[in-house]
Amino acid sequence: MSSQKSEKETPKHEAPKTEAPKQPPAEVSPAYIVVSNELFQETLKLASQAAELKDRLLRAQADWDNSRKRILREKEDAVRHAGAGLLERLLPVLDNFEMGLEAAKTATDSKAIVQGFEMVQAQLQQFLREAGVEPIEAVGQPFDPHRHEALGHRETNEQPEGHVITQMRKGYKLKDRLLRPASVFVAKTPEGKQASGKKD
């Protein structure tokens, strides 16, 4: 029985299977890039130019940032001290006003006091003209809501209806910009004249 089993397991006419020996993988030779001397020198030159351009860019960015900060500082200083020159020119007017006020305390002649105030007023007007400030002419002019502030109407024959008859407070403009409208009363035709005009 045992001999029959062994014959079945290994038949005489079949040879035992054997695996082929494994071959080691073939070595891959590394790839070499042959670079000519001219190409190498050109590459070095381009790399140097790129580094120089990068340095210039960084310097330009730093200069621009410094310039921007300087301009902002100068702008802030200009806004902060914008009125310094204007106020400096106003100080002599204030000095003369104070001297006139002290003189008025002991003066016995009212004309001298008036003259002193007139001098200060002339100085102030000159100061305003030099600064570009001009008074708005109102009396006798047609009422303009862009330059005048109406306080009311007054019946009169002295001015045409709708014209300024009285100015209570001067208006001023700085070149083309309105600083303050003139406070005025506007002329209105008397009711009796209006009625007689209708009858005619």
N, C-alpha and C. Protein backbone atom coordinates (compact mmCIF):
# COMPACT_ATOMS: atom_id res chain seq x y z
N MET A 1 0.83 -1.19 0.00
CA MET A 1 0.00 0.00 0.00
C MET A 1 0.86 1.24 0.00
N SER A 2 1.91 1.23 0.74
CA SER A 2 2.78 2.39 0.81
C SER A 2 3.51 2.62 -0.48
N SER A 3 3.86 1.51 -1.20
CA SER A 3 4.55 1.68 -2.49
C SER A 3 3.64 2.29 -3.51
N GLN A 4 2.37 1.97 -3.50
CA GLN A 4 1.43 2.56 -4.45
C GLN A 4 1.27 4.05 -4.22
N LYS A 5 1.24 4.47 -3.00
CA LYS A 5 1.11 5.91 -2.68
C LYS A 5 2.32 6.69 -3.16
N SER A 6 3.51 6.08 -2.99
CA SER A 6 4.71 6.80 -3.41
C SER A 6 4.78 6.92 -4.91
N GLU A 7 4.27 5.88 -5.63
CA GLU A 7 4.27 5.96 -7.08
C GLU A 7 3.31 7.04 -7.55
N LYS A 8 2.20 7.23 -6.89
CA LYS A 8 1.26 8.27 -7.28
C LYS A 8 1.83 9.65 -7.02
N GLU A 9 2.55 9.75 -5.91
CA GLU A 9 3.06 11.07 -5.56
C GLU A 9 4.14 11.48 -6.52
N THR A 10 5.07 10.62 -6.87
CA THR A 10 6.15 10.93 -7.81
C THR A 10 6.14 9.94 -8.92
N PRO A 11 5.42 10.19 -10.00
CA PRO A 11 5.41 9.26 -11.13
C PRO A 11 6.79 9.22 -11.75
N LYS A 12 7.13 8.08 -12.28
CA LYS A 12 8.46 7.89 -12.83
C LYS A 12 8.67 8.67 -14.11
N HIS A 13 7.61 8.83 -14.94
CA HIS A 13 7.81 9.49 -16.24
C HIS A 13 7.86 11.02 -16.13
N GLU A 14 7.57 11.68 -14.95
CA GLU A 14 7.62 13.13 -14.80
C GLU A 14 8.81 13.53 -13.94
N ALA A 15 9.53 14.54 -14.42
CA ALA A 15 10.67 15.04 -13.64
C ALA A 15 10.18 16.11 -12.66
N PRO A 16 10.79 16.21 -11.53
CA PRO A 16 10.36 17.21 -10.55
C PRO A 16 10.60 18.63 -11.08
N LYS A 17 9.66 19.52 -10.78
CA LYS A 17 9.76 20.92 -11.25
C LYS A 17 10.77 21.69 -10.41
N THR A 18 11.60 22.45 -11.12
CA THR A 18 12.59 23.30 -10.44
C THR A 18 12.49 24.72 -11.00
N GLU A 19 12.60 25.75 -10.12
CA GLU A 19 12.51 27.15 -10.56
C GLU A 19 13.84 27.62 -11.10
N ALA A 20 13.80 28.50 -12.14
CA ALA A 20 15.03 29.05 -12.72
C ALA A 20 15.64 30.03 -11.74
N PRO A 21 16.93 30.05 -11.64
CA PRO A 21 17.57 30.98 -10.69
C PRO A 21 17.32 32.43 -11.10
N LYS A 22 17.07 33.31 -10.11
CA LYS A 22 16.78 34.73 -10.38
C LYS A 22 18.05 35.46 -10.76
N GLN A 23 17.93 36.30 -11.81
CA GLN A 23 19.07 37.10 -12.26
C GLN A 23 19.03 38.44 -11.52
N PRO A 24 20.19 38.88 -11.10
CA PRO A 24 20.20 40.21 -10.45
C PRO A 24 19.83 41.30 -11.45
N PRO A 25 19.14 42.36 -11.00
CA PRO A 25 18.74 43.42 -11.94
C PRO A 25 19.97 44.08 -12.55
N ALA A 26 19.80 44.46 -13.81
CA ALA A 26 20.92 45.10 -14.50
C ALA A 26 21.14 46.49 -13.92
N GLU A 27 22.34 46.87 -13.72
CA GLU A 27 22.68 48.19 -13.20
C GLU A 27 22.37 49.26 -14.24
N VAL A 28 21.68 50.33 -13.77
CA VAL A 28 21.33 51.44 -14.66
C VAL A 28 22.41 52.50 -14.54
N SER A 29 23.02 52.76 -15.61
CA SER A 29 24.09 53.75 -15.57
C SER A 29 23.48 55.14 -15.48
N PRO A 30 23.99 56.01 -14.58
CA PRO A 30 23.42 57.37 -14.45
C PRO A 30 23.59 58.17 -15.72
N ALA A 31 22.58 59.11 -15.98
CA ALA A 31 22.62 59.92 -17.19
C ALA A 31 23.47 61.15 -16.92
N TYR A 32 24.34 61.42 -17.77
CA TYR A 32 25.20 62.60 -17.64
C TYR A 32 24.82 63.62 -18.70
N ILE A 33 24.67 64.96 -18.25
CA ILE A 33 24.37 66.03 -19.20
C ILE A 33 25.68 66.75 -19.49
N VAL A 34 25.99 66.77 -20.69
CA VAL A 34 27.24 67.43 -21.08
C VAL A 34 26.92 68.89 -21.38
N VAL A 35 27.51 69.80 -20.63
CA VAL A 35 27.29 71.22 -20.78
C VAL A 35 28.55 71.86 -21.31
N SER A 36 28.39 72.61 -22.38
CA SER A 36 29.56 73.28 -22.94
C SER A 36 29.97 74.44 -22.05
N ASN A 37 31.17 74.87 -22.18
CA ASN A 37 31.70 75.97 -21.37
C ASN A 37 30.94 77.26 -21.65
N GLU A 38 30.56 77.52 -22.89
CA GLU A 38 29.85 78.73 -23.25
C GLU A 38 28.47 78.77 -22.59
N LEU A 39 27.76 77.62 -22.61
CA LEU A 39 26.44 77.55 -21.98
C LEU A 39 26.55 77.74 -20.47
N PHE A 40 27.59 77.19 -19.88
CA PHE A 40 27.80 77.31 -18.43
C PHE A 40 28.05 78.78 -18.07
N GLN A 41 28.88 79.45 -18.85
CA GLN A 41 29.17 80.86 -18.59
C GLN A 41 27.92 81.72 -18.76
N GLU A 42 27.11 81.40 -19.77
CA GLU A 42 25.87 82.15 -19.99
C GLU A 42 24.90 81.97 -18.83
N THR A 43 24.84 80.73 -18.32
CA THR A 43 23.98 80.45 -17.16
C THR A 43 24.42 81.24 -15.95
N LEU A 44 25.72 81.27 -15.71
CA LEU A 44 26.25 82.05 -14.58
C LEU A 44 25.92 83.54 -14.75
N LYS A 45 26.04 84.03 -15.98
CA LYS A 45 25.75 85.45 -16.24
C LYS A 45 24.29 85.77 -15.97
N LEU A 46 23.37 84.89 -16.44
CA LEU A 46 21.94 85.12 -16.21
C LEU A 46 21.60 85.04 -14.73
N ALA A 47 22.24 84.11 -14.02
CA ALA A 47 21.99 84.01 -12.57
C ALA A 47 22.46 85.28 -11.86
N SER A 48 23.61 85.82 -12.30
CA SER A 48 24.13 87.04 -11.70
C SER A 48 23.19 88.22 -11.98
N GLN A 49 22.69 88.29 -13.22
CA GLN A 49 21.75 89.37 -13.57
C GLN A 49 20.45 89.26 -12.77
N ALA A 50 19.97 88.02 -12.61
CA ALA A 50 18.74 87.83 -11.83
C ALA A 50 18.94 88.28 -10.38
N ALA A 51 20.10 87.95 -9.80
CA ALA A 51 20.38 88.37 -8.43
C ALA A 51 20.47 89.89 -8.32
N GLU A 52 21.08 90.52 -9.34
CA GLU A 52 21.21 91.97 -9.33
C GLU A 52 19.84 92.64 -9.45
N LEU A 53 18.98 92.10 -10.34
CA LEU A 53 17.64 92.66 -10.50
C LEU A 53 16.81 92.50 -9.23
N LYS A 54 16.97 91.37 -8.57
CA LYS A 54 16.26 91.16 -7.31
C LYS A 54 16.70 92.16 -6.26
N ASP A 55 18.01 92.42 -6.20
CA ASP A 55 18.53 93.39 -5.25
C ASP A 55 17.99 94.79 -5.55
N ARG A 56 17.96 95.14 -6.86
CA ARG A 56 17.42 96.45 -7.23
C ARG A 56 15.96 96.58 -6.86
N LEU A 57 15.20 95.51 -7.09
CA LEU A 57 13.78 95.52 -6.76
C LEU A 57 13.57 95.72 -5.27
N LEU A 58 14.35 95.02 -4.46
CA LEU A 58 14.21 95.17 -3.01
C LEU A 58 14.56 96.58 -2.57
N ARG A 59 15.62 97.16 -3.18
CA ARG A 59 16.00 98.53 -2.83
C ARG A 59 14.92 99.52 -3.26
N ALA A 60 14.35 99.30 -4.46
CA ALA A 60 13.29 100.19 -4.94
C ALA A 60 12.06 100.12 -4.04
N GLN A 61 11.71 98.92 -3.60
CA GLN A 61 10.57 98.78 -2.70
C GLN A 61 10.84 99.49 -1.37
N ALA A 62 12.06 99.36 -0.87
CA ALA A 62 12.40 100.03 0.38
C ALA A 62 12.37 101.55 0.22
N ASP A 63 12.91 102.05 -0.92
CA ASP A 63 12.89 103.49 -1.17
C ASP A 63 11.46 104.00 -1.30
N TRP A 64 10.62 103.25 -2.01
CA TRP A 64 9.23 103.67 -2.19
C TRP A 64 8.51 103.70 -0.84
N ASP A 65 8.75 102.71 0.00
CA ASP A 65 8.11 102.66 1.31
C ASP A 65 8.56 103.84 2.17
N ASN A 66 9.85 104.16 2.12
CA ASN A 66 10.36 105.30 2.88
C ASN A 66 9.77 106.61 2.36
N SER A 67 9.66 106.73 1.03
CA SER A 67 9.08 107.94 0.45
C SER A 67 7.62 108.10 0.85
N ARG A 68 6.89 107.00 0.83
CA ARG A 68 5.47 107.05 1.21
C ARG A 68 5.32 107.49 2.67
N LYS A 69 6.16 106.96 3.54
CA LYS A 69 6.09 107.35 4.95
C LYS A 69 6.46 108.81 5.13
N ARG A 70 7.47 109.29 4.38
CA ARG A 70 7.88 110.68 4.49
C ARG A 70 6.78 111.62 4.01
N ILE A 71 6.12 111.26 2.89
CA ILE A 71 5.04 112.09 2.36
C ILE A 71 3.88 112.16 3.34
N LEU A 72 3.56 111.04 3.98
CA LEU A 72 2.48 111.04 4.97
C LEU A 72 2.83 111.94 6.15
N ARG A 73 4.11 111.87 6.60
CA ARG A 73 4.53 112.73 7.72
C ARG A 73 4.45 114.20 7.33
N GLU A 74 4.90 114.53 6.12
CA GLU A 74 4.86 115.92 5.67
C GLU A 74 3.43 116.41 5.54
N LYS A 75 2.55 115.53 5.06
CA LYS A 75 1.14 115.92 4.93
C LYS A 75 0.53 116.18 6.30
N GLU A 76 0.82 115.32 7.26
CA GLU A 76 0.29 115.51 8.61
C GLU A 76 0.82 116.80 9.22
N ASP A 77 2.11 117.09 9.00
CA ASP A 77 2.68 118.33 9.52
C ASP A 77 2.06 119.54 8.86
N ALA A 78 1.81 119.45 7.54
CA ALA A 78 1.21 120.58 6.83
C ALA A 78 -0.19 120.86 7.33
N VAL A 79 -0.97 119.79 7.58
CA VAL A 79 -2.33 119.98 8.10
C VAL A 79 -2.28 120.54 9.51
N ARG A 80 -1.33 120.04 10.31
CA ARG A 80 -1.24 120.47 11.71
C ARG A 80 -0.84 121.94 11.82
N HIS A 81 0.03 122.39 10.91
CA HIS A 81 0.55 123.77 11.00
C HIS A 81 0.07 124.64 9.84
N ALA A 82 -1.07 124.28 9.26
CA ALA A 82 -1.56 125.00 8.08
C ALA A 82 -1.82 126.47 8.39
N GLY A 83 -2.37 126.76 9.57
CA GLY A 83 -2.73 128.14 9.88
C GLY A 83 -1.65 128.91 10.60
N ALA A 84 -0.46 128.33 10.76
CA ALA A 84 0.58 129.00 11.54
C ALA A 84 1.00 130.32 10.90
N GLY A 85 1.25 130.31 9.59
CA GLY A 85 1.67 131.54 8.91
C GLY A 85 0.59 132.60 8.92
N LEU A 86 -0.66 132.15 8.75
CA LEU A 86 -1.77 133.10 8.74
C LEU A 86 -1.93 133.75 10.11
N LEU A 87 -1.84 132.96 11.16
CA LEU A 87 -2.00 133.50 12.51
C LEU A 87 -0.83 134.41 12.88
N GLU A 88 0.35 134.09 12.38
CA GLU A 88 1.52 134.92 12.66
C GLU A 88 1.34 136.34 12.11
N ARG A 89 0.71 136.45 10.93
CA ARG A 89 0.47 137.77 10.35
C ARG A 89 -0.65 138.51 11.07
N LEU A 90 -1.48 137.77 11.82
CA LEU A 90 -2.58 138.40 12.55
C LEU A 90 -2.12 139.00 13.88
N LEU A 91 -0.99 138.53 14.39
CA LEU A 91 -0.53 138.98 15.70
C LEU A 91 -0.27 140.49 15.77
N PRO A 92 0.36 141.13 14.75
CA PRO A 92 0.53 142.60 14.85
C PRO A 92 -0.79 143.35 14.95
N VAL A 93 -1.82 142.85 14.29
CA VAL A 93 -3.14 143.48 14.39
C VAL A 93 -3.65 143.39 15.82
N LEU A 94 -3.46 142.24 16.43
CA LEU A 94 -3.87 142.07 17.83
C LEU A 94 -3.07 142.99 18.74
N ASP A 95 -1.78 143.14 18.47
CA ASP A 95 -0.95 144.05 19.27
C ASP A 95 -1.49 145.47 19.21
N ASN A 96 -1.79 145.94 18.00
CA ASN A 96 -2.31 147.31 17.85
C ASN A 96 -3.67 147.47 18.51
N PHE A 97 -4.49 146.42 18.45
CA PHE A 97 -5.80 146.49 19.10
C PHE A 97 -5.64 146.63 20.61
N GLU A 98 -4.72 145.85 21.18
CA GLU A 98 -4.51 145.92 22.63
C GLU A 98 -3.95 147.28 23.04
N MET A 99 -3.01 147.84 22.24
CA MET A 99 -2.48 149.17 22.56
C MET A 99 -3.58 150.23 22.47
N GLY A 100 -4.44 150.10 21.44
CA GLY A 100 -5.54 151.06 21.31
C GLY A 100 -6.53 150.94 22.46
N LEU A 101 -6.76 149.73 22.91
CA LEU A 101 -7.68 149.52 24.03
C LEU A 101 -7.12 150.14 25.31
N GLU A 102 -5.82 149.99 25.54
CA GLU A 102 -5.20 150.59 26.73
C GLU A 102 -5.25 152.12 26.65
N ALA A 103 -5.03 152.64 25.44
CA ALA A 103 -5.07 154.11 25.28
C ALA A 103 -6.48 154.64 25.46
N ALA A 104 -7.49 153.83 25.04
CA ALA A 104 -8.88 154.28 25.16
C ALA A 104 -9.31 154.38 26.62
N LYS A 105 -8.66 153.65 27.51
CA LYS A 105 -9.04 153.67 28.93
C LYS A 105 -8.73 155.03 29.57
N THR A 106 -7.72 155.70 29.07
CA THR A 106 -7.33 156.97 29.66
C THR A 106 -7.60 158.16 28.73
N ALA A 107 -8.08 157.88 27.51
CA ALA A 107 -8.30 158.97 26.53
C ALA A 107 -9.53 159.78 26.91
N THR A 108 -9.44 161.09 26.66
CA THR A 108 -10.58 161.97 26.91
C THR A 108 -11.26 162.40 25.62
N ASP A 109 -10.58 162.20 24.51
CA ASP A 109 -11.12 162.59 23.21
C ASP A 109 -11.68 161.34 22.51
N SER A 110 -12.98 161.36 22.26
CA SER A 110 -13.60 160.19 21.63
C SER A 110 -13.14 160.02 20.19
N LYS A 111 -12.75 161.12 19.54
CA LYS A 111 -12.28 161.01 18.15
C LYS A 111 -11.01 160.18 18.07
N ALA A 112 -10.14 160.33 19.05
CA ALA A 112 -8.89 159.56 19.06
C ALA A 112 -9.18 158.07 19.20
N ILE A 113 -10.18 157.75 20.01
CA ILE A 113 -10.56 156.34 20.18
C ILE A 113 -11.10 155.78 18.87
N VAL A 114 -11.96 156.56 18.20
CA VAL A 114 -12.52 156.13 16.92
C VAL A 114 -11.41 155.93 15.90
N GLN A 115 -10.46 156.86 15.87
CA GLN A 115 -9.36 156.75 14.93
C GLN A 115 -8.52 155.49 15.18
N GLY A 116 -8.32 155.19 16.46
CA GLY A 116 -7.57 153.99 16.81
C GLY A 116 -8.27 152.72 16.32
N PHE A 117 -9.58 152.67 16.52
CA PHE A 117 -10.33 151.50 16.04
C PHE A 117 -10.36 151.42 14.52
N GLU A 118 -10.43 152.58 13.88
CA GLU A 118 -10.42 152.59 12.42
C GLU A 118 -9.09 152.07 11.86
N MET A 119 -7.99 152.39 12.55
CA MET A 119 -6.69 151.88 12.13
C MET A 119 -6.63 150.36 12.25
N VAL A 120 -7.14 149.85 13.37
CA VAL A 120 -7.15 148.39 13.56
C VAL A 120 -8.05 147.73 12.52
N GLN A 121 -9.20 148.36 12.24
CA GLN A 121 -10.11 147.81 11.24
C GLN A 121 -9.43 147.76 9.87
N ALA A 122 -8.71 148.81 9.51
CA ALA A 122 -8.01 148.85 8.23
C ALA A 122 -6.95 147.75 8.16
N GLN A 123 -6.26 147.52 9.26
CA GLN A 123 -5.26 146.44 9.30
C GLN A 123 -5.91 145.08 9.12
N LEU A 124 -7.04 144.88 9.77
CA LEU A 124 -7.75 143.61 9.64
C LEU A 124 -8.24 143.39 8.21
N GLN A 125 -8.76 144.43 7.61
CA GLN A 125 -9.24 144.31 6.23
C GLN A 125 -8.10 144.00 5.27
N GLN A 126 -6.95 144.64 5.50
CA GLN A 126 -5.78 144.35 4.67
C GLN A 126 -5.33 142.92 4.86
N PHE A 127 -5.34 142.46 6.10
CA PHE A 127 -4.96 141.07 6.40
C PHE A 127 -5.87 140.09 5.67
N LEU A 128 -7.19 140.36 5.70
CA LEU A 128 -8.15 139.47 5.05
C LEU A 128 -7.97 139.47 3.53
N ARG A 129 -7.72 140.65 2.96
CA ARG A 129 -7.50 140.72 1.51
C ARG A 129 -6.28 139.91 1.09
N GLU A 130 -5.21 140.02 1.87
CA GLU A 130 -4.00 139.25 1.56
C GLU A 130 -4.24 137.75 1.68
N ALA A 131 -5.17 137.36 2.55
CA ALA A 131 -5.49 135.94 2.72
C ALA A 131 -6.50 135.45 1.69
N GLY A 132 -7.00 136.36 0.84
CA GLY A 132 -7.96 135.96 -0.19
C GLY A 132 -9.40 136.06 0.24
N VAL A 133 -9.66 136.68 1.41
CA VAL A 133 -11.03 136.82 1.91
C VAL A 133 -11.60 138.15 1.44
N GLU A 134 -12.81 138.11 0.88
CA GLU A 134 -13.46 139.32 0.37
C GLU A 134 -14.87 139.42 0.94
N PRO A 135 -15.31 140.65 1.27
CA PRO A 135 -16.70 140.82 1.73
C PRO A 135 -17.67 140.68 0.56
N ILE A 136 -18.87 140.23 0.87
CA ILE A 136 -19.92 140.08 -0.14
C ILE A 136 -20.75 141.35 -0.18
N GLU A 137 -20.81 141.95 -1.36
CA GLU A 137 -21.63 143.14 -1.53
C GLU A 137 -23.10 142.71 -1.56
N ALA A 138 -23.90 143.28 -0.67
CA ALA A 138 -25.28 142.83 -0.55
C ALA A 138 -26.30 143.93 -0.83
N VAL A 139 -26.15 145.10 -0.21
CA VAL A 139 -27.16 146.16 -0.31
C VAL A 139 -27.29 146.62 -1.76
N GLY A 140 -28.54 146.64 -2.23
CA GLY A 140 -28.82 147.06 -3.59
C GLY A 140 -28.71 145.94 -4.61
N GLN A 141 -28.26 144.76 -4.18
CA GLN A 141 -28.12 143.64 -5.09
C GLN A 141 -29.38 142.75 -5.04
N PRO A 142 -29.70 142.07 -6.12
CA PRO A 142 -30.82 141.11 -6.06
C PRO A 142 -30.52 140.02 -5.03
N PHE A 143 -31.56 139.61 -4.31
CA PHE A 143 -31.35 138.58 -3.29
C PHE A 143 -30.88 137.28 -3.94
N ASP A 144 -29.79 136.74 -3.40
CA ASP A 144 -29.19 135.50 -3.91
C ASP A 144 -29.09 134.52 -2.75
N PRO A 145 -29.89 133.44 -2.74
CA PRO A 145 -29.85 132.51 -1.61
C PRO A 145 -28.50 131.81 -1.44
N HIS A 146 -27.67 131.86 -2.47
CA HIS A 146 -26.35 131.25 -2.37
C HIS A 146 -25.35 132.15 -1.66
N ARG A 147 -25.69 133.44 -1.55
CA ARG A 147 -24.76 134.38 -0.90
C ARG A 147 -25.41 135.16 0.25
N HIS A 148 -26.74 135.16 0.29
CA HIS A 148 -27.46 135.96 1.28
C HIS A 148 -28.33 135.07 2.15
N GLU A 149 -28.51 135.50 3.40
CA GLU A 149 -29.43 134.84 4.32
C GLU A 149 -30.53 135.84 4.68
N ALA A 150 -31.76 135.56 4.24
CA ALA A 150 -32.85 136.51 4.45
C ALA A 150 -33.36 136.43 5.88
N LEU A 151 -33.37 137.60 6.55
CA LEU A 151 -33.93 137.69 7.90
C LEU A 151 -35.40 138.09 7.86
N GLY A 152 -35.85 138.57 6.72
CA GLY A 152 -37.24 138.99 6.57
C GLY A 152 -37.38 139.97 5.42
N HIS A 153 -38.60 140.52 5.28
CA HIS A 153 -38.89 141.50 4.23
C HIS A 153 -39.24 142.84 4.88
N ARG A 154 -38.97 143.90 4.15
CA ARG A 154 -39.34 145.25 4.59
C ARG A 154 -39.96 146.00 3.41
N GLU A 155 -41.08 146.61 3.67
CA GLU A 155 -41.74 147.39 2.62
C GLU A 155 -40.97 148.68 2.40
N THR A 156 -40.66 148.95 1.16
CA THR A 156 -39.89 150.14 0.84
C THR A 156 -40.03 150.47 -0.64
N ASN A 157 -39.82 151.73 -0.94
CA ASN A 157 -39.75 152.17 -2.33
C ASN A 157 -38.31 152.48 -2.75
N GLU A 158 -37.39 152.31 -1.80
CA GLU A 158 -35.99 152.67 -2.07
C GLU A 158 -35.29 151.64 -2.98
N GLN A 159 -35.72 150.41 -2.91
CA GLN A 159 -35.11 149.35 -3.71
C GLN A 159 -36.22 148.57 -4.43
N PRO A 160 -35.92 148.01 -5.60
CA PRO A 160 -36.92 147.17 -6.27
C PRO A 160 -37.22 145.94 -5.42
N GLU A 161 -38.42 145.43 -5.60
CA GLU A 161 -38.81 144.24 -4.84
C GLU A 161 -37.86 143.08 -5.15
N GLY A 162 -37.46 142.38 -4.09
CA GLY A 162 -36.55 141.25 -4.25
C GLY A 162 -35.09 141.63 -4.15
N HIS A 163 -34.80 142.91 -3.95
CA HIS A 163 -33.42 143.38 -3.77
C HIS A 163 -33.13 143.55 -2.28
N VAL A 164 -31.87 143.52 -1.93
CA VAL A 164 -31.46 143.67 -0.53
C VAL A 164 -31.57 145.14 -0.16
N ILE A 165 -32.31 145.43 0.92
CA ILE A 165 -32.50 146.80 1.39
C ILE A 165 -31.57 147.11 2.56
N THR A 166 -31.34 146.11 3.44
CA THR A 166 -30.51 146.33 4.63
C THR A 166 -29.64 145.11 4.88
N GLN A 167 -28.41 145.37 5.32
CA GLN A 167 -27.50 144.28 5.69
C GLN A 167 -27.23 144.37 7.18
N MET A 168 -27.56 143.29 7.90
CA MET A 168 -27.36 143.28 9.34
C MET A 168 -26.00 142.70 9.72
N ARG A 169 -25.49 141.80 8.89
CA ARG A 169 -24.17 141.20 9.15
C ARG A 169 -23.50 140.91 7.82
N LYS A 170 -22.24 141.31 7.71
CA LYS A 170 -21.51 141.11 6.46
C LYS A 170 -21.29 139.63 6.17
N GLY A 171 -21.29 139.32 4.90
CA GLY A 171 -20.91 137.99 4.45
C GLY A 171 -19.52 138.03 3.84
N TYR A 172 -18.86 136.87 3.84
CA TYR A 172 -17.50 136.80 3.32
C TYR A 172 -17.33 135.55 2.47
N LYS A 173 -16.42 135.67 1.51
CA LYS A 173 -16.07 134.51 0.69
C LYS A 173 -14.56 134.42 0.58
N LEU A 174 -14.08 133.20 0.49
CA LEU A 174 -12.65 132.94 0.29
C LEU A 174 -12.48 132.52 -1.16
N LYS A 175 -12.05 133.50 -1.98
CA LYS A 175 -11.98 133.29 -3.43
C LYS A 175 -13.37 132.91 -3.94
N ASP A 176 -13.58 131.67 -4.40
CA ASP A 176 -14.90 131.28 -4.91
C ASP A 176 -15.72 130.52 -3.87
N ARG A 177 -15.21 130.36 -2.68
CA ARG A 177 -15.90 129.57 -1.66
C ARG A 177 -16.57 130.49 -0.64
N LEU A 178 -17.84 130.21 -0.35
CA LEU A 178 -18.58 131.01 0.62
C LEU A 178 -18.14 130.65 2.04
N LEU A 179 -17.70 131.66 2.79
CA LEU A 179 -17.36 131.44 4.20
C LEU A 179 -18.57 131.68 5.10
N ARG A 180 -19.30 132.75 4.79
CA ARG A 180 -20.47 133.09 5.60
C ARG A 180 -21.40 133.94 4.76
N PRO A 181 -22.70 133.59 4.71
CA PRO A 181 -23.64 134.43 3.94
C PRO A 181 -23.91 135.74 4.66
N ALA A 182 -24.28 136.74 3.91
CA ALA A 182 -24.66 138.03 4.49
C ALA A 182 -26.09 137.93 5.00
N SER A 183 -26.31 138.42 6.23
CA SER A 183 -27.65 138.43 6.81
C SER A 183 -28.34 139.73 6.38
N VAL A 184 -29.46 139.59 5.69
CA VAL A 184 -30.06 140.77 5.04
C VAL A 184 -31.58 140.79 5.21
N PHE A 185 -32.15 141.99 4.96
CA PHE A 185 -33.58 142.16 4.79
C PHE A 185 -33.83 142.48 3.33
N VAL A 186 -34.90 141.90 2.80
CA VAL A 186 -35.20 142.01 1.38
C VAL A 186 -36.35 142.99 1.17
N ALA A 187 -36.23 143.81 0.15
CA ALA A 187 -37.24 144.83 -0.14
C ALA A 187 -38.53 144.20 -0.65
N LYS A 188 -39.63 144.82 -0.20
CA LYS A 188 -40.95 144.39 -0.65
C LYS A 188 -41.76 145.64 -0.99
N THR A 189 -42.44 145.59 -2.11
CA THR A 189 -43.24 146.74 -2.54
C THR A 189 -44.39 146.97 -1.54
N PRO A 190 -44.59 148.22 -1.09
CA PRO A 190 -45.69 148.48 -0.15
C PRO A 190 -47.03 148.03 -0.71
N GLU A 191 -47.94 147.59 0.17
CA GLU A 191 -49.22 147.04 -0.27
C GLU A 191 -50.06 148.09 -1.00
N GLY A 192 -50.04 149.34 -0.55
CA GLY A 192 -50.82 150.38 -1.23
C GLY A 192 -50.39 150.60 -2.65
N LYS A 193 -49.07 150.53 -2.89
CA LYS A 193 -48.56 150.71 -4.25
C LYS A 193 -48.95 149.54 -5.14
N GLN A 194 -48.94 148.30 -4.54
CA GLN A 194 -49.33 147.12 -5.30
C GLN A 194 -50.80 147.23 -5.74
N ALA A 195 -51.65 147.73 -4.81
CA ALA A 195 -53.08 147.84 -5.12
C ALA A 195 -53.31 148.87 -6.21
N SER A 196 -52.59 150.04 -6.11
CA SER A 196 -52.76 151.05 -7.14
C SER A 196 -52.24 150.57 -8.47
N GLY A 197 -51.20 149.78 -8.45
CA GLY A 197 -50.68 149.23 -9.69
C GLY A 197 -51.67 148.30 -10.35
N LYS A 198 -52.39 147.54 -9.58
CA LYS A 198 -53.38 146.61 -10.13
C LYS A 198 -54.53 147.37 -10.79
N LYS A 199 -54.92 148.52 -10.16
CA LYS A 199 -56.01 149.29 -10.73
C LYS A 199 -55.62 149.88 -12.06
N ASP A 200 -54.33 150.30 -12.17
CA ASP A 200 -53.88 150.87 -13.43
C ASP A 200 -53.85 149.78 -14.50
